C-alpha cells in the first residue's frame, strides 16, 4: 500500500507538482469552504475535473499547511476494489497514511477521498472521524444521490456540496487563450470568440476532448466517458444484467435530446419494458449524464407527473446519437440549458397552446432559437411570451445565435452576450 499512497501524494516530495493545473471558476468557492468545519463534497460526472479541483485545493493549502498533513487517496484504484464492501478498510488506509507520512496530529489533517462512492457505507467511517478527530474531509463523488442513502443522512448538516461541471464557455475561452473578461476584449477578439463558439457548441467542455484537435479521437473519448459511467457506475451499482440494453438506450436518448421523452416508443426500439426505460433514465440522471425537466404547474404533484424533456450534461455527447447528427437548433438549445442549469436549480418548460423552452420561477421566461431571420419563426417565439407572461411579472429573453435587439418587452440576446452576462 505504501507505493499507492506515495503515488497519490506527490506533494509530499514536491510542492510545485500541481502548478500546471488549469484553474476552474468554482475553485475560489471551494477554497473558501476549507475554512469551515463541514465536509466538502465535490460532486459531478466522471472526468469533469473533480480530482483536479481537489488537487488545486491542495496547492492552496500548501501555502500554510505542512505537506504531510494533506492526504489524498483515489479509491478507484484496482488494488482497492476487492475491499469496496468493507468500509472498515478505509480506516486501514488512514492508519497506513499515519504510519508512512507521520503527520503532526496536533494540527488539522486535510483528508481528500476521491470517488468515495466506490466503497459501500463509507459514511460510517467519515462520520466517526468527523466527530472524534481533527480532520477536514474533502470528498468527491460521481452520483447526485451520494448523500441521500440511509447512512448518509446521518451527515445531514455536516456537508457543503459543490457541483462540478465540464468547462463552461468562459473556461473554454481561457483554455484557448482568448481574452474575454472586458467588453473591449470581447470586441477585439470577436472573430476568435465566434469560432470558439462553434467548436464549443459541437464538442462541449470535457477537458480531454477540447485538448485534442482530432475529431475521431474527440468522439472516441466522449464514447469512453459515457460508457465508463454506464458500465463502471450504473451497471454494478444497480445490478443491471443487460448492460447492452442500457448502453443502447443512452445512444437513443442522445438522438432525442431536447425533446419530450416517450418511454413506450423507446421501449419498442430497444426491446425492454417502459418501466425499465424510466428507471434507466433516472440512473443516467443520478450519474450526471442527462437532466430531465418537467412541464411547469402550480401543483407540484401535477408537475412531477408531466412529460419530461431530456437534455445532456455536455454538448459533446450529441455526437454519439444513433439515428441522426444533432442539428444546430438541438445543439444550441442543449447548450443554453446547461448554462441555465449551472446557475438555477429548478428549471421547467411550459407547454399549452404555445410553448416556452425554459421557465425559471422568479427569474424569467427563456426562449431559444438558433435563427429568427424567418418572420414566422420570430413571431411564433415572440407570441409565446405574450401567452404565458400576460401580466409581465418576469423578464422575457429570446436567446439566438448572433442577434441582439429589443422587440417590445422581449430582449433578444446573442449567445455570447447571454454567456458573458450570466457567467462573468
Foldseek 3Di string as FASTA:
>chain_A
DVVQQCVFQVCLPPLCPLVPQQDAPCLVVVLVCVVDLFAEEEEAFPQQQPVNSVVVSLSVCVVPANSLLEGEHECPDPVNLVCQAPLVVVVVVVVVSCVPSVGDQVAEREYEYEQNVSHPLVLVVVVVCSVPGRYHYYYYHQFQCPQVDPSSVVCVPRYDYDYGAFHALVSLCVVVVQDDQDPVSCVVCVVVSLVSVVVCLAAWGRPVLSVDPDVVVSLVVLLVSVLCCQVVPVCVVVVDDCSVLLSLLVLAVLQVAQHWDDLCVSCVVSVHHSVVSVVSVVSCVRRQQKDWAFADDPDVVVRVPGTIHMAGLTSNCNCRHDPDRDDPQRSQLNSVVNLVVSPAPHWHWHDDPATFSIDDPPEATEHEDADCPDPVSVVSLVVNCCVPCVVVRYQAEYEYQDDFDDDVRYTYYHPVVVCSVRPD
